[in-house]
Amino acid sequence: MKRWIRMTLAANLSLAGFLGWVPPGSAEAASTATNGWPHFQEILHLLRKELPGMEEGNLNQAMVEGMLRQLHPQVLMDRPKPESAQAGSFLARKEILQERGGWLQLKEVAPGLDEELNSSISIWTTNRLDGLILDLRYCHGSDYAAAVQTASRFVQAETDLLDFGSGMLRGGKGTNAIRLPCVVLVNRQTSGAAEALAALLRQHVGALVLGSPTANQAKVYKSVDLSNGRRIHIATGNLRGPELDSLSAQGVVPDVSFESAPALERQFFDKPFVSHAAAGAIRRTTGVEPRPKLNEAELVRRKREGLDPEEQPAAPFRSGVSETEKPQLADPILARAMDLLKGIANLQKSR
């Protein structure tokens, strides 16, 4: 294993071009020991000699980052947390979209997420939603028990869900389960326990997964504390569960593929609503019709006045804001998710 890591580090640094010196009589032995690649200690010695201005800390960082990139996702390092980071909500956003879809944008899959999610959805159920959009784009987490607990909120009959190395966990809430159609959004930054949650919802609830393939970090990891306070995670096995054998091998492959440029995807993720004036430009460049945003206060008002958005046109907001000033939904994948929810709702009504 040590030999493999050293070989991989040398390969990742890609500095063979710097090598002009090999200790006499050692070339053949070095080649055999490192499978043809130069030994990383040799490169390190040369760089220290030829780059005297290079700080040791920067050189060390380059070596560690190179090794982690090459061994990803078998070896992962904890993200450094900002000093200002505080415990809080696991939800970045929760909105009612187009009067009919409950959108919840998750930040992290961790203990307590299931309770917060259930509480938020319980407020909405009286509004006769067509379904839910669980947005797991850029969502991460390493607590697979939390993924099981969250998925269990949607499962009716108790059943086997997931084994992440400590035995099969079961879940199911019976008549208290959340019974709404779900669309799950994922992308290439959906990682770890968030991947497991997406897979569990698809397998046991029939959720439709929309987006791009996930990060493929849903594995059983051994965590080791490092001297600087960070932690390194080394993959030691695969997650197991009914029909989930492929999860640890390739991550979550969406049912409906939706790819976009990373920068553009992040832009819409951070700012999913735009002004009416900007909506026209988005319509021309993406072909997606921006959608009006409806807040919960408006839904409460309509319910109080006995108005049904399905049977009659929506009443205007009483906030003094004109139609042209209302925020419009600009995120293309969210718009697609709403279309899918409407299709599911119409199909259910036709049965």
Protein backbone atom coordinates (compact mmCIF):
# COMPACT_ATOMS: atom_id res chain seq x y z
CA MET A 1 0.00 0.00 0.00
CA LYS A 2 2.81 2.42 0.90
CA ARG A 3 4.55 1.63 -2.35
CA TRP A 4 1.34 2.27 -4.30
CA ILE A 5 0.73 5.62 -2.60
CA ARG A 6 4.30 6.74 -3.26
CA MET A 7 4.02 5.71 -6.90
CA THR A 8 0.71 7.53 -7.26
CA LEU A 9 2.08 10.69 -5.67
CA ALA A 10 5.01 10.70 -8.05
CA ALA A 11 2.67 10.24 -11.00
CA ASN A 12 0.40 13.05 -9.89
CA LEU A 13 3.17 15.56 -9.44
CA SER A 14 4.17 14.93 -13.08
CA LEU A 15 7.64 16.28 -12.52
CA ALA A 16 9.67 13.64 -14.29
CA GLY A 17 10.96 16.33 -16.62
CA PHE A 18 12.90 17.87 -13.76
CA LEU A 19 14.85 14.70 -13.19
CA GLY A 20 18.38 14.86 -14.40
CA TRP A 21 20.09 13.05 -11.58
CA VAL A 22 19.71 9.44 -10.47
CA PRO A 23 22.07 7.97 -7.88
CA PRO A 24 24.64 5.74 -9.62
CA GLY A 25 23.60 2.11 -9.78
CA SER A 26 20.14 2.84 -8.43
CA ALA A 27 18.15 3.44 -11.64
CA GLU A 28 17.17 -0.17 -12.21
CA ALA A 29 16.26 -0.75 -8.57
CA ALA A 30 14.23 2.47 -8.38
CA SER A 31 12.37 1.62 -11.58
CA THR A 32 11.47 -1.82 -10.26
CA ALA A 33 10.37 -0.51 -6.86
CA THR A 34 8.08 2.18 -8.29
CA ASN A 35 6.78 0.39 -11.39
CA GLY A 36 8.75 2.60 -13.73
CA TRP A 37 7.94 5.90 -12.04
CA PRO A 38 10.58 7.99 -10.25
CA HIS A 39 10.54 7.73 -6.50
CA PHE A 40 8.77 10.66 -4.83
CA GLN A 41 11.66 11.14 -2.38
CA GLU A 42 13.94 11.67 -5.36
CA ILE A 43 11.66 14.37 -6.75
CA LEU A 44 11.32 15.95 -3.33
CA HIS A 45 15.10 16.07 -2.92
CA LEU A 46 15.50 17.67 -6.35
CA LEU A 47 12.81 20.30 -5.78
CA ARG A 48 14.29 21.33 -2.46
CA LYS A 49 17.65 21.75 -4.17
CA GLU A 50 16.54 23.52 -7.36
CA LEU A 51 13.72 25.64 -5.89
CA PRO A 52 15.26 27.22 -2.80
CA GLY A 53 12.53 29.88 -2.73
CA MET A 54 9.78 27.30 -2.42
CA GLU A 55 8.41 27.23 1.12
CA GLU A 56 8.24 23.82 2.75
CA GLY A 57 4.56 24.34 3.61
CA ASN A 58 3.62 25.00 -0.01
CA LEU A 59 5.59 21.99 -1.19
CA ASN A 60 3.91 19.79 1.40
CA GLN A 61 0.47 21.09 0.40
CA ALA A 62 1.13 20.30 -3.27
CA MET A 63 2.18 16.76 -2.42
CA VAL A 64 -0.82 16.06 -0.17
CA GLU A 65 -3.32 17.61 -2.59
CA GLY A 66 -1.83 15.61 -5.45
CA MET A 67 -2.09 12.36 -3.52
CA LEU A 68 -5.70 13.06 -2.51
CA ARG A 69 -6.69 13.92 -6.08
CA GLN A 70 -5.15 10.74 -7.42
CA LEU A 71 -6.68 8.49 -4.76
CA HIS A 72 -10.12 10.13 -4.80
CA PRO A 73 -12.70 8.83 -3.85
CA GLN A 74 -10.88 6.02 -2.03
CA VAL A 75 -9.25 8.59 0.25
CA LEU A 76 -10.96 11.82 1.34
CA MET A 77 -10.01 14.72 3.59
CA ASP A 78 -12.50 16.63 5.71
CA ARG A 79 -13.38 20.06 4.39
CA PRO A 80 -11.83 22.81 6.53
CA LYS A 81 -14.67 24.52 8.38
CA PRO A 82 -14.64 28.32 8.61
CA GLU A 83 -14.13 29.70 12.09
CA SER A 84 -17.49 31.45 11.90
CA ALA A 85 -19.35 28.22 11.09
CA GLN A 86 -22.13 27.52 13.58
CA ALA A 87 -24.67 24.78 14.00
CA GLY A 88 -28.01 25.74 12.51
CA SER A 89 -30.59 24.72 9.98
CA PHE A 90 -29.84 21.88 7.59
CA LEU A 91 -32.04 23.59 5.00
CA ALA A 92 -30.67 26.44 2.92
CA ARG A 93 -34.07 27.29 1.42
CA LYS A 94 -37.69 26.20 1.58
CA GLU A 95 -40.24 27.68 -0.80
CA ILE A 96 -43.56 26.99 -2.49
CA LEU A 97 -42.96 27.05 -6.25
CA GLN A 98 -45.77 27.85 -8.69
CA GLU A 99 -48.30 27.31 -5.91
CA ARG A 100 -47.97 23.52 -6.16
CA GLY A 101 -44.42 22.34 -5.41
CA GLY A 102 -42.66 22.30 -2.05
CA TRP A 103 -38.96 22.96 -2.66
CA LEU A 104 -36.43 22.13 0.07
CA GLN A 105 -32.75 22.81 -0.56
CA LEU A 106 -30.56 20.72 1.76
CA LYS A 107 -27.08 21.76 2.89
CA GLU A 108 -25.94 18.65 4.76
CA VAL A 109 -27.23 15.21 5.70
CA ALA A 110 -26.64 15.04 9.44
CA PRO A 111 -28.47 14.03 12.65
CA GLY A 112 -31.61 16.13 13.07
CA LEU A 113 -32.27 16.62 9.36
CA ASP A 114 -35.22 14.22 9.38
CA GLU A 115 -37.00 16.18 12.12
CA GLU A 116 -36.44 19.55 10.45
CA LEU A 117 -37.57 18.20 7.09
CA ASN A 118 -40.68 16.61 8.56
CA SER A 119 -41.57 19.80 10.42
CA SER A 120 -41.24 21.94 7.29
CA ILE A 121 -43.29 19.57 5.15
CA SER A 122 -46.01 19.21 7.80
CA ILE A 123 -46.75 22.93 7.48
CA TRP A 124 -47.26 22.53 3.75
CA THR A 125 -49.41 19.40 3.55
CA THR A 126 -52.67 21.33 4.08
CA ASN A 127 -51.91 23.36 0.96
CA ARG A 128 -52.60 20.39 -1.33
CA LEU A 129 -49.19 20.28 -2.96
CA ASP A 130 -48.58 18.25 -6.09
CA GLY A 131 -45.33 17.02 -4.55
CA LEU A 132 -41.89 17.83 -3.19
CA ILE A 133 -38.57 18.79 -4.72
CA LEU A 134 -35.67 17.71 -2.50
CA ASP A 135 -32.66 19.64 -3.76
CA LEU A 136 -29.46 17.71 -2.96
CA ARG A 137 -27.19 19.63 -5.32
CA TYR A 138 -23.93 20.52 -3.53
CA CYS A 139 -25.25 18.63 -0.48
CA HIS A 140 -22.77 16.50 1.45
CA GLY A 141 -22.54 14.52 4.67
CA SER A 142 -20.86 11.49 6.19
CA ASP A 143 -23.59 10.31 8.57
CA TYR A 144 -25.34 7.42 6.85
CA ALA A 145 -27.58 6.82 9.87
CA ALA A 146 -28.98 10.33 9.29
CA ALA A 147 -29.62 9.43 5.65
CA VAL A 148 -31.55 6.34 6.78
CA GLN A 149 -33.55 8.33 9.35
CA THR A 150 -34.46 10.96 6.75
CA ALA A 151 -35.45 8.43 4.09
CA SER A 152 -37.47 6.54 6.70
CA ARG A 153 -39.77 9.56 7.03
CA PHE A 154 -41.05 8.79 3.52
CA VAL A 155 -41.27 4.99 3.85
CA GLN A 156 -44.50 3.39 5.04
CA ALA A 157 -43.91 -0.32 5.70
CA GLU A 158 -40.88 -1.11 7.84
CA THR A 159 -38.15 -2.56 5.66
CA ASP A 160 -34.39 -3.02 5.32
CA LEU A 161 -32.79 0.21 4.15
CA LEU A 162 -29.00 0.39 4.47
CA ASP A 163 -25.96 -1.32 5.96
CA PHE A 164 -22.86 0.87 6.23
CA GLY A 165 -20.71 -1.55 8.16
CA SER A 166 -22.53 -1.89 11.47
CA GLY A 167 -25.49 -4.02 10.43
CA MET A 168 -28.62 -3.46 8.35
CA LEU A 169 -30.74 -0.49 9.46
CA ARG A 170 -34.49 -0.66 9.00
CA GLY A 171 -37.02 2.12 8.72
CA GLY A 172 -40.63 3.01 8.02
CA LYS A 173 -43.20 5.34 9.58
CA GLY A 174 -46.43 3.54 8.71
CA THR A 175 -49.40 5.89 8.44
CA ASN A 176 -47.23 8.81 9.60
CA ALA A 177 -44.99 8.59 6.55
CA ILE A 178 -44.79 11.58 4.21
CA ARG A 179 -46.90 10.57 1.22
CA LEU A 180 -46.14 13.06 -1.51
CA PRO A 181 -44.50 12.47 -4.89
CA CYS A 182 -40.82 13.43 -4.82
CA VAL A 183 -38.34 14.70 -7.36
CA VAL A 184 -34.73 14.65 -6.13
CA LEU A 185 -32.15 17.00 -7.67
CA VAL A 186 -28.49 15.89 -7.72
CA ASN A 187 -25.25 16.98 -9.36
CA ARG A 188 -21.57 16.04 -9.39
CA GLN A 189 -21.07 17.70 -5.99
CA THR A 190 -23.77 15.62 -4.29
CA SER A 191 -21.62 13.43 -2.05
CA GLY A 192 -21.52 10.83 0.70
CA ALA A 193 -24.67 10.54 2.79
CA ALA A 194 -26.53 12.81 0.37
CA GLU A 195 -25.94 10.22 -2.36
CA ALA A 196 -27.25 7.50 -0.07
CA LEU A 197 -30.37 9.56 0.68
CA ALA A 198 -31.08 10.07 -3.03
CA ALA A 199 -30.66 6.35 -3.71
CA LEU A 200 -32.88 5.33 -0.79
CA LEU A 201 -35.67 7.69 -1.84
CA ARG A 202 -35.57 6.37 -5.38
CA GLN A 203 -35.51 2.72 -4.32
CA HIS A 204 -38.09 2.77 -1.54
CA VAL A 205 -40.34 5.73 -2.35
CA GLY A 206 -40.19 5.82 -6.13
CA ALA A 207 -38.65 9.30 -6.20
CA LEU A 208 -37.54 10.54 -9.60
CA VAL A 209 -33.87 11.61 -9.64
CA LEU A 210 -33.03 14.54 -11.92
CA GLY A 211 -29.62 16.07 -12.69
CA SER A 212 -26.10 14.75 -13.31
CA PRO A 213 -24.22 11.73 -11.83
CA THR A 214 -23.17 12.22 -8.23
CA ALA A 215 -19.66 12.36 -6.72
CA ASN A 216 -19.36 8.60 -6.05
CA GLN A 217 -18.33 9.05 -2.42
CA ALA A 218 -20.99 6.83 -0.85
CA LYS A 219 -18.68 4.25 0.71
CA VAL A 220 -17.80 2.83 4.10
CA TYR A 221 -14.85 4.88 5.36
CA LYS A 222 -12.45 4.47 8.24
CA SER A 223 -11.81 7.90 9.75
CA VAL A 224 -8.44 8.81 11.25
CA ASP A 225 -7.68 11.98 13.21
CA LEU A 226 -4.61 13.86 12.01
CA SER A 227 -2.18 15.90 14.08
CA ASN A 228 -3.46 19.23 12.68
CA GLY A 229 -7.05 18.57 13.78
CA ARG A 230 -8.35 17.45 10.39
CA ARG A 231 -9.56 13.95 9.56
CA ILE A 232 -8.76 11.63 6.69
CA HIS A 233 -11.24 8.99 5.51
CA ILE A 234 -10.05 5.77 3.89
CA ALA A 235 -12.57 3.59 2.03
CA THR A 236 -12.77 0.13 3.55
CA GLY A 237 -15.97 -1.24 2.01
CA ASN A 238 -19.20 -0.60 0.15
CA LEU A 239 -22.67 0.31 1.34
CA ARG A 240 -25.22 -2.49 1.15
CA GLY A 241 -28.96 -2.43 0.81
CA PRO A 242 -31.80 -3.85 -1.28
CA GLU A 243 -31.03 -3.07 -4.93
CA LEU A 244 -28.26 -0.63 -3.92
CA ASP A 245 -25.23 -2.67 -4.99
CA SER A 246 -24.20 -0.13 -7.62
CA LEU A 247 -24.28 2.86 -5.25
CA SER A 248 -20.70 2.53 -3.97
CA ALA A 249 -19.40 1.57 -7.41
CA GLN A 250 -20.71 4.48 -9.49
CA GLY A 251 -22.70 6.83 -7.29
CA VAL A 252 -26.24 7.81 -8.25
CA VAL A 253 -27.01 7.94 -11.96
CA PRO A 254 -30.10 10.14 -12.46
CA ASP A 255 -33.29 8.88 -14.07
CA VAL A 256 -33.50 12.09 -16.09
CA SER A 257 -30.19 13.62 -17.14
CA PHE A 258 -29.84 17.40 -16.91
CA GLU A 259 -26.36 18.74 -17.59
CA SER A 260 -25.24 22.36 -17.67
CA ALA A 261 -21.95 24.24 -17.47
CA PRO A 262 -20.68 24.15 -13.84
CA ALA A 263 -20.41 27.93 -13.57
CA LEU A 264 -23.92 28.45 -14.94
CA GLU A 265 -25.35 25.73 -12.71
CA ARG A 266 -23.80 27.34 -9.65
CA GLN A 267 -25.09 30.76 -10.69
CA PHE A 268 -28.69 29.54 -10.91
CA PHE A 269 -28.30 27.52 -7.70
CA ASP A 270 -27.17 30.59 -5.76
CA LYS A 271 -29.73 32.89 -7.38
CA PRO A 272 -32.72 30.84 -8.58
CA PHE A 273 -35.04 33.84 -8.84
CA VAL A 274 -34.57 36.93 -10.98
CA SER A 275 -36.43 40.12 -11.79
CA HIS A 276 -39.02 40.21 -14.55
CA ALA A 277 -36.63 42.26 -16.70
CA ALA A 278 -33.90 39.61 -16.44
CA ALA A 279 -36.35 36.80 -17.14
CA GLY A 280 -36.55 37.69 -20.82
CA ALA A 281 -32.81 37.33 -21.28
CA ILE A 282 -32.84 33.96 -19.52
CA ARG A 283 -35.72 32.82 -21.71
CA ARG A 284 -33.75 33.70 -24.84
CA THR A 285 -30.47 32.06 -23.74
CA THR A 286 -31.81 28.90 -22.05
CA GLY A 287 -35.20 28.37 -23.65
CA VAL A 288 -36.71 28.03 -20.17
CA GLU A 289 -39.70 30.12 -19.16
CA PRO A 290 -39.01 31.73 -15.76
CA ARG A 291 -41.85 31.01 -13.31
CA PRO A 292 -43.54 33.27 -10.74
CA LYS A 293 -42.55 32.69 -7.13
CA LEU A 294 -45.39 32.24 -4.63
CA ASN A 295 -44.73 32.64 -0.93
CA GLU A 296 -46.42 30.83 1.93
CA ALA A 297 -48.27 33.95 3.07
CA GLU A 298 -50.09 34.10 -0.26
CA LEU A 299 -51.07 30.43 0.02
CA VAL A 300 -52.45 31.00 3.51
CA ARG A 301 -54.44 34.00 2.24
CA ARG A 302 -55.92 32.01 -0.62
CA LYS A 303 -56.85 29.13 1.65
CA ARG A 304 -58.49 31.53 4.12
CA GLU A 305 -60.55 33.10 1.34
CA GLY A 306 -61.58 29.73 -0.07
CA LEU A 307 -59.70 30.15 -3.35
CA ASP A 308 -58.47 27.07 -5.19
CA PRO A 309 -55.52 27.68 -7.59
CA GLU A 310 -56.50 24.54 -9.52
CA GLU A 311 -60.02 25.75 -10.29
CA GLN A 312 -59.58 29.44 -10.91
CA PRO A 313 -56.89 31.98 -11.79
CA ALA A 314 -54.62 33.02 -8.97
CA ALA A 315 -55.66 36.20 -7.22
CA PRO A 316 -53.10 39.00 -7.35
CA PHE A 317 -50.78 39.55 -4.45
CA ARG A 318 -51.87 42.23 -2.03
CA SER A 319 -48.40 43.47 -1.38
CA GLY A 320 -48.63 46.36 -3.82
CA VAL A 321 -46.07 44.65 -6.06
CA SER A 322 -47.01 44.49 -9.74
CA GLU A 323 -46.81 41.29 -11.80
CA THR A 324 -43.77 42.63 -13.64
CA GLU A 325 -41.92 43.14 -10.35
CA LYS A 326 -42.49 39.67 -8.89
CA PRO A 327 -39.44 37.39 -8.73
CA GLN A 328 -39.36 34.78 -11.49
CA LEU A 329 -38.00 31.23 -11.24
CA ALA A 330 -34.91 31.18 -13.45
CA ASP A 331 -33.14 27.94 -12.47
CA PRO A 332 -33.73 25.57 -15.45
CA ILE A 333 -33.47 22.35 -13.45
CA LEU A 334 -35.98 23.60 -10.89
CA ALA A 335 -38.35 24.51 -13.70
CA ARG A 336 -37.93 21.02 -15.16
CA ALA A 337 -38.58 19.48 -11.74
CA MET A 338 -41.84 21.43 -11.47
CA ASP A 339 -42.89 20.18 -14.90
CA LEU A 340 -42.24 16.61 -13.77
CA LEU A 341 -44.28 17.10 -10.59
CA LYS A 342 -47.18 18.47 -12.62
CA GLY A 343 -46.98 15.48 -14.94
CA ILE A 344 -47.01 13.06 -12.01
CA ALA A 345 -49.99 14.87 -10.45
CA ASN A 346 -51.95 14.81 -13.71
CA LEU A 347 -51.21 11.11 -14.16
CA GLN A 348 -52.46 10.34 -10.66
CA LYS A 349 -55.66 12.32 -11.24
CA SER A 350 -56.37 10.44 -14.45
CA ARG A 351 -56.30 7.06 -12.71
